[in-house]
Amino acid sequence: MTIGIWVLGDQLWAGQAALQSCATELSTTPVILIESKRWVQVRPYHRQKLVLVWSAMRHFAKELKEAGWTVDYATTEDFEAPLQQWIQQHQITELRVMQPNDRPFLKLIRRLQLPCTITVVPTTASCGQRRNFTSGRSPAKPCAWNSFTERDGSSSGC
């Protein structure tokens, strides 16, 4: 069984959940980062932001390689084609991706037709966990950051 990790453009840190789930096998776990031209046509991005994100992705890919990960980087029209090729090349049976911050992107991941299991790993970012904001809350009373920190007992935030 080979596990592969897909790192998204807004999840560029070594402590992110998908990478951490395989940190002890980093030399044998393939990682992919993908620049998709189609996604930026569907979701409007400011050109300077896009240059910044793609540059950060390239630098992070280099950092991962230097840390001992096997990293592939793709610049392509969509996500599915390079994932299909990469999965086949590395004989991946499970693709792990940290839960995206963006609901439309999560829907895109769930619609992918890939020849392996896709596991969405819950985020490690404390403020990004939806359950932190919804557990124990009344639907009539919206969850605000202040009430979250009071209930949690901390005020450190993110």
C-alpha atoms as a PDB file:
ATOM      1  CA  MET A   1       0.000   0.000   0.000  1.00  0.00           C
ATOM      2  CA  THR A   2       1.445   3.353  -1.070  1.00  0.00           C
ATOM      3  CA  ILE A   3       0.130   6.579   0.405  1.00  0.00           C
ATOM      4  CA  GLY A   4       0.547   9.813  -1.531  1.00  0.00           C
ATOM      5  CA  ILE A   5      -0.003  13.351  -0.274  1.00  0.00           C
ATOM      6  CA  TRP A   6      -1.481  16.250  -2.236  1.00  0.00           C
ATOM      7  CA  VAL A   7      -0.491  19.610  -0.724  1.00  0.00           C
ATOM      8  CA  LEU A   8      -2.793  22.503  -1.603  1.00  0.00           C
ATOM      9  CA  GLY A   9      -1.616  26.062  -2.216  1.00  0.00           C
ATOM     10  CA  ASP A  10      -2.957  27.423   1.060  1.00  0.00           C
ATOM     11  CA  GLN A  11      -1.521  24.585   3.178  1.00  0.00           C
ATOM     12  CA  LEU A  12       2.185  25.231   2.833  1.00  0.00           C
ATOM     13  CA  TRP A  13       3.666  24.309   6.182  1.00  0.00           C
ATOM     14  CA  ALA A  14       5.476  21.192   7.315  1.00  0.00           C
ATOM     15  CA  GLY A  15       3.110  20.701  10.253  1.00  0.00           C
ATOM     16  CA  GLN A  16      -0.020  20.364   8.138  1.00  0.00           C
ATOM     17  CA  ALA A  17      -2.092  17.267   8.855  1.00  0.00           C
ATOM     18  CA  ALA A  18      -1.593  15.263   5.653  1.00  0.00           C
ATOM     19  CA  LEU A  19       2.202  15.600   5.827  1.00  0.00           C
ATOM     20  CA  GLN A  20       2.267  14.859   9.543  1.00  0.00           C
ATOM     21  CA  SER A  21       0.236  11.699   8.988  1.00  0.00           C
ATOM     22  CA  CYS A  22       3.203  10.268   7.050  1.00  0.00           C
ATOM     23  CA  ALA A  23       6.117  12.108   8.663  1.00  0.00           C
ATOM     24  CA  THR A  24       7.796   8.877   9.780  1.00  0.00           C
ATOM     25  CA  GLU A  25       7.779   7.566   6.180  1.00  0.00           C
ATOM     26  CA  LEU A  26       8.710  10.801   4.420  1.00  0.00           C
ATOM     27  CA  SER A  27      11.367   9.276   2.156  1.00  0.00           C
ATOM     28  CA  THR A  28       8.883   6.724   0.762  1.00  0.00           C
ATOM     29  CA  THR A  29       5.793   8.942   0.642  1.00  0.00           C
ATOM     30  CA  PRO A  30       5.322  10.829  -2.635  1.00  0.00           C
ATOM     31  CA  VAL A  31       3.991  14.386  -2.432  1.00  0.00           C
ATOM     32  CA  ILE A  32       2.453  16.445  -5.221  1.00  0.00           C
ATOM     33  CA  LEU A  33       1.690  20.141  -5.581  1.00  0.00           C
ATOM     34  CA  ILE A  34      -0.321  21.320  -8.597  1.00  0.00           C
ATOM     35  CA  GLU A  35      -0.793  24.691 -10.270  1.00  0.00           C
ATOM     36  CA  SER A  36      -4.117  24.533 -12.098  1.00  0.00           C
ATOM     37  CA  LYS A  37      -4.857  27.150 -14.718  1.00  0.00           C
ATOM     38  CA  ARG A  38      -8.502  26.097 -14.940  1.00  0.00           C
ATOM     39  CA  TRP A  39      -9.094  26.567 -11.195  1.00  0.00           C
ATOM     40  CA  VAL A  40      -7.915  30.184 -11.344  1.00  0.00           C
ATOM     41  CA  GLN A  41     -10.266  30.780 -14.250  1.00  0.00           C
ATOM     42  CA  VAL A  42     -13.186  29.389 -12.234  1.00  0.00           C
ATOM     43  CA  ARG A  43     -12.195  31.246  -9.053  1.00  0.00           C
ATOM     44  CA  PRO A  44     -11.016  34.798  -9.728  1.00  0.00           C
ATOM     45  CA  TYR A  45      -7.642  35.647  -8.187  1.00  0.00           C
ATOM     46  CA  HIS A  46      -5.750  38.902  -8.246  1.00  0.00           C
ATOM     47  CA  ARG A  47      -2.703  38.394 -10.468  1.00  0.00           C
ATOM     48  CA  GLN A  48      -0.252  39.430  -7.758  1.00  0.00           C
ATOM     49  CA  LYS A  49      -1.844  37.037  -5.265  1.00  0.00           C
ATOM     50  CA  LEU A  50      -1.637  34.231  -7.788  1.00  0.00           C
ATOM     51  CA  VAL A  51       2.063  34.920  -8.430  1.00  0.00           C
ATOM     52  CA  LEU A  52       2.634  34.923  -4.670  1.00  0.00           C
ATOM     53  CA  VAL A  53       0.766  31.635  -4.096  1.00  0.00           C
ATOM     54  CA  TRP A  54       2.470  29.808  -6.967  1.00  0.00           C
ATOM     55  CA  SER A  55       5.879  31.122  -5.909  1.00  0.00           C
ATOM     56  CA  ALA A  56       5.231  29.983  -2.339  1.00  0.00           C
ATOM     57  CA  MET A  57       4.186  26.550  -3.642  1.00  0.00           C
ATOM     58  CA  ARG A  58       7.426  26.202  -5.622  1.00  0.00           C
ATOM     59  CA  HIS A  59       9.526  27.247  -2.641  1.00  0.00           C
ATOM     60  CA  PHE A  60       7.657  24.869  -0.342  1.00  0.00           C
ATOM     61  CA  ALA A  61       8.162  22.003  -2.802  1.00  0.00           C
ATOM     62  CA  LYS A  62      11.886  22.740  -2.654  1.00  0.00           C
ATOM     63  CA  GLU A  63      11.808  22.786   1.169  1.00  0.00           C
ATOM     64  CA  LEU A  64      10.044  19.429   1.237  1.00  0.00           C
ATOM     65  CA  LYS A  65      12.634  17.922  -1.116  1.00  0.00           C
ATOM     66  CA  GLU A  66      15.431  19.247   1.070  1.00  0.00           C
ATOM     67  CA  ALA A  67      13.722  17.675   4.097  1.00  0.00           C
ATOM     68  CA  GLY A  68      13.739  14.271   2.366  1.00  0.00           C
ATOM     69  CA  TRP A  69      10.247  14.021   0.834  1.00  0.00           C
ATOM     70  CA  THR A  70       9.761  12.746  -2.731  1.00  0.00           C
ATOM     71  CA  VAL A  71       8.079  15.718  -4.403  1.00  0.00           C
ATOM     72  CA  ASP A  72       6.460  16.195  -7.801  1.00  0.00           C
ATOM     73  CA  TYR A  73       5.296  19.592  -9.017  1.00  0.00           C
ATOM     74  CA  ALA A  74       2.826  19.993 -11.869  1.00  0.00           C
ATOM     75  CA  THR A  75       1.752  23.046 -13.843  1.00  0.00           C
ATOM     76  CA  THR A  76      -1.302  22.043 -15.835  1.00  0.00           C
ATOM     77  CA  GLU A  77      -4.830  22.874 -16.933  1.00  0.00           C
ATOM     78  CA  ASP A  78      -6.651  20.882 -14.264  1.00  0.00           C
ATOM     79  CA  PHE A  79      -6.041  18.750 -11.182  1.00  0.00           C
ATOM     80  CA  GLU A  80      -7.373  15.384 -12.289  1.00  0.00           C
ATOM     81  CA  ALA A  81      -4.987  14.615 -15.176  1.00  0.00           C
ATOM     82  CA  PRO A  82      -1.730  15.140 -13.241  1.00  0.00           C
ATOM     83  CA  LEU A  83      -3.162  13.308 -10.231  1.00  0.00           C
ATOM     84  CA  GLN A  84      -4.115  10.338 -12.415  1.00  0.00           C
ATOM     85  CA  GLN A  85      -0.624  10.195 -13.927  1.00  0.00           C
ATOM     86  CA  TRP A  86       1.131  10.675 -10.565  1.00  0.00           C
ATOM     87  CA  ILE A  87      -1.024   8.009  -8.863  1.00  0.00           C
ATOM     88  CA  GLN A  88      -0.199   5.554 -11.643  1.00  0.00           C
ATOM     89  CA  GLN A  89       3.509   6.440 -11.658  1.00  0.00           C
ATOM     90  CA  HIS A  90       3.890   5.925  -7.887  1.00  0.00           C
ATOM     91  CA  GLN A  91       1.289   3.099  -7.617  1.00  0.00           C
ATOM     92  CA  ILE A  92      -0.616   5.049  -4.975  1.00  0.00           C
ATOM     93  CA  THR A  93      -3.506   3.281  -3.270  1.00  0.00           C
ATOM     94  CA  GLU A  94      -4.500   6.115  -0.923  1.00  0.00           C
ATOM     95  CA  LEU A  95      -4.339   9.852  -1.599  1.00  0.00           C
ATOM     96  CA  ARG A  96      -4.300  12.051   1.498  1.00  0.00           C
ATOM     97  CA  VAL A  97      -5.137  15.724   1.348  1.00  0.00           C
ATOM     98  CA  MET A  98      -5.685  18.050   4.286  1.00  0.00           C
ATOM     99  CA  GLN A  99      -9.223  19.403   4.460  1.00  0.00           C
ATOM    100  CA  PRO A 100      -9.373  22.513   2.304  1.00  0.00           C
ATOM    101  CA  ASN A 101     -10.492  25.831   3.749  1.00  0.00           C
ATOM    102  CA  ASP A 102     -12.648  26.349   0.690  1.00  0.00           C
ATOM    103  CA  ARG A 103     -15.958  24.425   0.373  1.00  0.00           C
ATOM    104  CA  PRO A 104     -16.015  24.533  -3.444  1.00  0.00           C
ATOM    105  CA  PHE A 105     -12.545  22.990  -3.459  1.00  0.00           C
ATOM    106  CA  LEU A 106     -13.681  20.225  -1.111  1.00  0.00           C
ATOM    107  CA  LYS A 107     -16.513  19.504  -3.565  1.00  0.00           C
ATOM    108  CA  LEU A 108     -13.977  19.389  -6.400  1.00  0.00           C
ATOM    109  CA  ILE A 109     -11.884  16.852  -4.458  1.00  0.00           C
ATOM    110  CA  ARG A 110     -14.918  14.682  -3.746  1.00  0.00           C
ATOM    111  CA  ARG A 111     -15.869  14.688  -7.474  1.00  0.00           C
ATOM    112  CA  LEU A 112     -12.443  13.518  -8.664  1.00  0.00           C
ATOM    113  CA  GLN A 113     -12.468  10.139 -10.384  1.00  0.00           C
ATOM    114  CA  LEU A 114      -9.184   8.667  -9.197  1.00  0.00           C
ATOM    115  CA  PRO A 115      -8.052   5.022  -9.081  1.00  0.00           C
ATOM    116  CA  CYS A 116      -7.378   5.140  -5.349  1.00  0.00           C
ATOM    117  CA  THR A 117      -9.008   6.009  -2.051  1.00  0.00           C
ATOM    118  CA  ILE A 118      -9.119   9.739  -1.268  1.00  0.00           C
ATOM    119  CA  THR A 119      -8.744  10.536   2.433  1.00  0.00           C
ATOM    120  CA  VAL A 120      -9.491  14.089   3.549  1.00  0.00           C
ATOM    121  CA  VAL A 121      -7.424  14.548   6.697  1.00  0.00           C
ATOM    122  CA  PRO A 122      -8.914  16.948   9.274  1.00  0.00           C
ATOM    123  CA  THR A 123      -6.996  20.187   9.549  1.00  0.00           C
ATOM    124  CA  THR A 124      -4.459  20.726  12.313  1.00  0.00           C
ATOM    125  CA  ALA A 125      -5.112  24.462  12.425  1.00  0.00           C
ATOM    126  CA  SER A 126      -6.963  25.043  15.682  1.00  0.00           C
ATOM    127  CA  CYS A 127      -9.210  27.805  14.408  1.00  0.00           C
ATOM    128  CA  GLY A 128      -9.936  25.935  11.179  1.00  0.00           C
ATOM    129  CA  GLN A 129     -11.769  23.049  12.759  1.00  0.00           C
ATOM    130  CA  ARG A 130     -15.449  23.637  12.099  1.00  0.00           C
ATOM    131  CA  ARG A 131     -16.487  21.480  15.071  1.00  0.00           C
ATOM    132  CA  ASN A 132     -14.735  23.968  17.392  1.00  0.00           C
ATOM    133  CA  PHE A 133     -17.258  26.576  16.364  1.00  0.00           C
ATOM    134  CA  THR A 134     -20.360  24.426  16.141  1.00  0.00           C
ATOM    135  CA  SER A 135     -20.189  21.900  18.979  1.00  0.00           C
ATOM    136  CA  GLY A 136     -22.538  22.733  21.808  1.00  0.00           C
ATOM    137  CA  ARG A 137     -23.875  25.843  20.092  1.00  0.00           C
ATOM    138  CA  SER A 138     -27.523  26.654  19.710  1.00  0.00           C
ATOM    139  CA  PRO A 139     -28.566  27.344  16.100  1.00  0.00           C
ATOM    140  CA  ALA A 140     -30.373  30.435  17.402  1.00  0.00           C
ATOM    141  CA  LYS A 141     -27.178  31.833  18.926  1.00  0.00           C
ATOM    142  CA  PRO A 142     -24.428  32.393  16.344  1.00  0.00           C
ATOM    143  CA  CYS A 143     -20.908  31.419  17.271  1.00  0.00           C
ATOM    144  CA  ALA A 144     -18.660  34.430  17.650  1.00  0.00           C
ATOM    145  CA  TRP A 145     -14.922  34.384  18.219  1.00  0.00           C
ATOM    146  CA  ASN A 146     -15.324  35.865  21.726  1.00  0.00           C
ATOM    147  CA  SER A 147     -17.761  33.192  22.846  1.00  0.00           C
ATOM    148  CA  PHE A 148     -15.497  30.536  21.342  1.00  0.00           C
ATOM    149  CA  THR A 149     -12.450  31.715  23.296  1.00  0.00           C
ATOM    150  CA  GLU A 150     -14.476  32.120  26.503  1.00  0.00           C
ATOM    151  CA  ARG A 151     -15.899  28.586  26.215  1.00  0.00           C
ATOM    152  CA  ASP A 152     -12.489  27.191  25.261  1.00  0.00           C
ATOM    153  CA  GLY A 153     -10.853  28.905  28.223  1.00  0.00           C
ATOM    154  CA  SER A 154      -8.149  30.547  26.162  1.00  0.00           C
ATOM    155  CA  SER A 155      -7.787  33.784  24.315  1.00  0.00           C
ATOM    156  CA  SER A 156      -4.691  32.993  22.300  1.00  0.00           C
ATOM    157  CA  GLY A 157      -6.569  32.779  18.982  1.00  0.00           C
ATOM    158  CA  CYS A 158      -4.724  31.550  15.917  1.00  0.00           C
END
